[in-house]
């Protein structure tokens, strides 16, 4: 949707699931499967495609150590 200006992500992690291509809604799955993919990678790709900046960091350097990503937004989503 182009709202992400800068995306920070955990370089050591992976979060498996699906991103709805129409709504952007995320469904997280606990383990990888033939029908799931790393949704952090998907988010990185979408950020780059919309002109955003992507920065890889270690999880302790993220604002919320419980989430694999953090973002600075261009506008309210």
N, C-alpha and C. Protein backbone atom coordinates (compact mmCIF):
# COMPACT_ATOMS: atom_id res chain seq x y z
N UNK A 1 0.82 -1.20 0.00
CA UNK A 1 0.00 0.00 0.00
C UNK A 1 0.86 1.26 0.00
N UNK A 2 2.19 1.10 0.19
CA UNK A 2 3.09 2.24 0.12
C UNK A 2 3.21 3.07 1.37
N UNK A 3 2.68 2.60 2.49
CA UNK A 3 2.71 3.39 3.71
C UNK A 3 4.07 3.34 4.43
N UNK A 4 4.88 2.32 4.17
CA UNK A 4 6.13 2.14 4.90
C UNK A 4 7.25 2.95 4.27
N UNK A 5 7.80 3.87 5.05
CA UNK A 5 8.97 4.65 4.63
C UNK A 5 10.25 3.88 4.92
N UNK A 6 10.37 3.34 6.16
CA UNK A 6 11.54 2.56 6.57
C UNK A 6 11.08 1.32 7.31
N UNK A 7 11.60 0.18 6.92
CA UNK A 7 11.28 -1.09 7.56
C UNK A 7 12.54 -1.64 8.21
N UNK A 8 12.46 -1.93 9.49
CA UNK A 8 13.53 -2.61 10.21
C UNK A 8 13.09 -4.06 10.38
N UNK A 9 14.01 -5.01 10.15
CA UNK A 9 13.63 -6.42 10.29
C UNK A 9 14.74 -7.21 10.96
N UNK A 10 14.35 -8.28 11.64
CA UNK A 10 15.27 -9.20 12.32
C UNK A 10 15.99 -10.04 11.26
N UNK A 11 17.30 -9.85 11.14
CA UNK A 11 18.07 -10.55 10.10
C UNK A 11 18.21 -12.05 10.37
N UNK A 12 17.95 -12.47 11.59
CA UNK A 12 18.11 -13.88 11.94
C UNK A 12 16.80 -14.66 11.98
N UNK A 13 15.70 -13.98 11.76
CA UNK A 13 14.41 -14.64 11.95
C UNK A 13 13.67 -14.93 10.66
N UNK A 14 12.62 -15.72 10.80
CA UNK A 14 11.68 -16.01 9.71
C UNK A 14 10.31 -16.19 10.36
N UNK A 15 9.29 -15.66 9.71
CA UNK A 15 7.92 -15.82 10.18
C UNK A 15 7.11 -16.36 9.02
N UNK A 16 6.58 -17.56 9.19
CA UNK A 16 5.91 -18.27 8.11
C UNK A 16 4.43 -17.95 8.07
N UNK A 17 3.89 -17.84 6.87
CA UNK A 17 2.46 -17.59 6.72
C UNK A 17 2.13 -17.11 5.33
N UNK A 18 1.09 -16.25 5.24
CA UNK A 18 0.59 -15.75 3.96
C UNK A 18 0.22 -14.28 4.10
N UNK A 19 0.37 -13.52 3.03
CA UNK A 19 -0.10 -12.14 2.95
C UNK A 19 -1.18 -12.10 1.88
N UNK A 20 -2.36 -11.60 2.24
CA UNK A 20 -3.45 -11.46 1.27
C UNK A 20 -3.08 -10.37 0.28
N UNK A 21 -3.02 -10.69 -1.00
CA UNK A 21 -2.56 -9.73 -2.01
C UNK A 21 -3.54 -8.58 -2.21
N UNK A 22 -4.80 -8.77 -1.86
CA UNK A 22 -5.79 -7.70 -2.03
C UNK A 22 -5.84 -6.74 -0.84
N UNK A 23 -5.81 -7.29 0.37
CA UNK A 23 -6.01 -6.46 1.56
C UNK A 23 -4.73 -6.20 2.34
N UNK A 24 -3.70 -7.03 2.13
CA UNK A 24 -2.48 -6.91 2.92
C UNK A 24 -2.57 -7.61 4.27
N UNK A 25 -3.72 -8.24 4.55
CA UNK A 25 -3.90 -8.96 5.81
C UNK A 25 -2.90 -10.11 5.90
N UNK A 26 -2.36 -10.31 7.10
CA UNK A 26 -1.34 -11.34 7.32
C UNK A 26 -1.92 -12.49 8.13
N UNK A 27 -1.65 -13.72 7.68
CA UNK A 27 -2.00 -14.91 8.45
C UNK A 27 -0.70 -15.62 8.80
N UNK A 28 -0.40 -15.71 10.07
CA UNK A 28 0.84 -16.33 10.54
C UNK A 28 0.61 -17.81 10.80
N UNK A 29 1.56 -18.64 10.35
CA UNK A 29 1.55 -20.08 10.64
C UNK A 29 2.79 -20.38 11.47
N UNK A 30 2.68 -21.34 12.34
CA UNK A 30 3.77 -21.66 13.25
C UNK A 30 4.99 -22.30 12.61
N UNK A 31 4.79 -23.05 11.54
CA UNK A 31 5.88 -23.77 10.90
C UNK A 31 5.81 -23.61 9.39
N UNK A 32 6.95 -23.77 8.71
CA UNK A 32 6.92 -23.69 7.25
C UNK A 32 6.17 -24.88 6.65
N UNK A 33 5.54 -24.64 5.52
CA UNK A 33 4.86 -25.71 4.80
C UNK A 33 4.97 -25.43 3.31
N UNK A 34 4.46 -26.34 2.51
CA UNK A 34 4.52 -26.18 1.06
C UNK A 34 3.72 -24.97 0.58
N UNK A 35 2.73 -24.55 1.37
CA UNK A 35 1.87 -23.45 0.94
C UNK A 35 2.16 -22.13 1.67
N UNK A 36 3.17 -22.10 2.54
CA UNK A 36 3.49 -20.87 3.26
C UNK A 36 4.85 -20.36 2.82
N UNK A 37 5.15 -19.13 3.20
CA UNK A 37 6.43 -18.51 2.87
C UNK A 37 6.78 -17.53 3.98
N UNK A 38 8.00 -17.01 3.95
CA UNK A 38 8.45 -16.07 4.98
C UNK A 38 7.79 -14.72 4.72
N UNK A 39 6.85 -14.34 5.57
CA UNK A 39 6.11 -13.10 5.35
C UNK A 39 6.97 -11.86 5.63
N UNK A 40 8.05 -12.01 6.37
CA UNK A 40 8.98 -10.89 6.53
C UNK A 40 9.66 -10.61 5.19
N UNK A 41 10.08 -11.65 4.50
CA UNK A 41 10.66 -11.47 3.16
C UNK A 41 9.66 -10.79 2.22
N UNK A 42 8.42 -11.21 2.29
CA UNK A 42 7.37 -10.61 1.45
C UNK A 42 7.22 -9.12 1.78
N UNK A 43 7.24 -8.79 3.05
CA UNK A 43 7.11 -7.40 3.48
C UNK A 43 8.31 -6.57 3.02
N UNK A 44 9.50 -7.16 3.08
CA UNK A 44 10.71 -6.49 2.59
C UNK A 44 10.56 -6.17 1.10
N UNK A 45 10.13 -7.14 0.33
CA UNK A 45 9.95 -6.94 -1.10
C UNK A 45 8.94 -5.86 -1.42
N UNK A 46 7.82 -5.87 -0.71
CA UNK A 46 6.78 -4.85 -0.94
C UNK A 46 7.28 -3.46 -0.55
N UNK A 47 8.08 -3.38 0.49
CA UNK A 47 8.63 -2.08 0.91
C UNK A 47 9.57 -1.54 -0.16
N UNK A 48 10.43 -2.38 -0.68
CA UNK A 48 11.37 -1.95 -1.73
C UNK A 48 10.62 -1.52 -2.99
N UNK A 49 9.61 -2.29 -3.38
CA UNK A 49 8.85 -1.98 -4.59
C UNK A 49 8.11 -0.65 -4.52
N UNK A 50 7.79 -0.20 -3.31
CA UNK A 50 7.08 1.07 -3.15
C UNK A 50 8.01 2.21 -2.76
N UNK A 51 9.33 1.99 -2.91
CA UNK A 51 10.30 3.05 -2.68
C UNK A 51 10.74 3.23 -1.24
N UNK A 52 10.42 2.28 -0.38
CA UNK A 52 10.83 2.36 1.02
C UNK A 52 12.25 1.88 1.23
N UNK A 53 12.78 2.18 2.40
CA UNK A 53 14.12 1.76 2.80
C UNK A 53 14.00 0.56 3.73
N UNK A 54 14.90 -0.41 3.57
CA UNK A 54 14.89 -1.62 4.39
C UNK A 54 16.22 -1.72 5.13
N UNK A 55 16.15 -1.96 6.45
CA UNK A 55 17.35 -2.06 7.28
C UNK A 55 17.28 -3.34 8.10
N UNK A 56 18.30 -4.20 7.95
CA UNK A 56 18.38 -5.42 8.74
C UNK A 56 19.09 -5.16 10.06
N UNK A 57 18.50 -5.63 11.16
CA UNK A 57 19.07 -5.45 12.50
C UNK A 57 18.91 -6.76 13.28
N UNK A 58 19.55 -6.84 14.41
CA UNK A 58 19.35 -7.97 15.32
C UNK A 58 18.08 -7.70 16.14
N UNK A 59 17.36 -8.76 16.50
CA UNK A 59 16.08 -8.60 17.21
C UNK A 59 16.18 -7.70 18.45
N UNK A 60 17.23 -7.78 19.27
CA UNK A 60 17.28 -6.87 20.43
C UNK A 60 17.33 -5.39 20.05
N UNK A 61 17.72 -5.09 18.82
CA UNK A 61 17.78 -3.70 18.37
C UNK A 61 16.45 -3.17 17.85
N UNK A 62 15.45 -4.04 17.73
CA UNK A 62 14.12 -3.61 17.32
C UNK A 62 13.41 -2.97 18.51
N UNK A 63 12.53 -2.00 18.27
CA UNK A 63 11.83 -1.32 19.38
C UNK A 63 11.04 -2.28 20.26
N UNK A 64 10.42 -3.30 19.68
CA UNK A 64 9.66 -4.30 20.42
C UNK A 64 10.32 -5.64 20.15
N UNK A 65 11.04 -6.17 21.11
CA UNK A 65 11.78 -7.42 20.93
C UNK A 65 10.91 -8.63 20.63
N UNK A 66 9.58 -8.48 20.68
CA UNK A 66 8.67 -9.59 20.40
C UNK A 66 8.23 -9.65 18.95
N UNK A 67 8.51 -8.63 18.17
CA UNK A 67 8.10 -8.57 16.78
C UNK A 67 9.30 -8.66 15.86
N UNK A 68 9.17 -9.36 14.72
CA UNK A 68 10.32 -9.48 13.79
C UNK A 68 10.51 -8.26 12.90
N UNK A 69 9.59 -7.29 12.96
CA UNK A 69 9.70 -6.08 12.14
C UNK A 69 9.23 -4.86 12.92
N UNK A 70 9.68 -3.69 12.45
CA UNK A 70 9.18 -2.40 12.93
C UNK A 70 9.21 -1.47 11.73
N UNK A 71 8.31 -0.50 11.71
CA UNK A 71 8.25 0.38 10.55
C UNK A 71 8.00 1.82 10.94
N UNK A 72 8.61 2.72 10.16
CA UNK A 72 8.28 4.14 10.21
C UNK A 72 7.40 4.38 8.99
N UNK A 73 6.23 4.98 9.21
CA UNK A 73 5.26 5.14 8.14
C UNK A 73 5.34 6.52 7.49
N UNK A 74 5.02 6.57 6.22
CA UNK A 74 4.93 7.83 5.48
C UNK A 74 3.66 8.57 5.88
N UNK A 75 2.61 7.81 6.14
CA UNK A 75 1.30 8.34 6.50
C UNK A 75 0.56 7.27 7.28
N UNK A 76 -0.48 7.65 7.96
CA UNK A 76 -1.24 6.69 8.76
C UNK A 76 -1.89 5.66 7.85
N UNK A 77 -1.69 4.39 8.16
CA UNK A 77 -2.24 3.32 7.34
C UNK A 77 -3.68 3.05 7.71
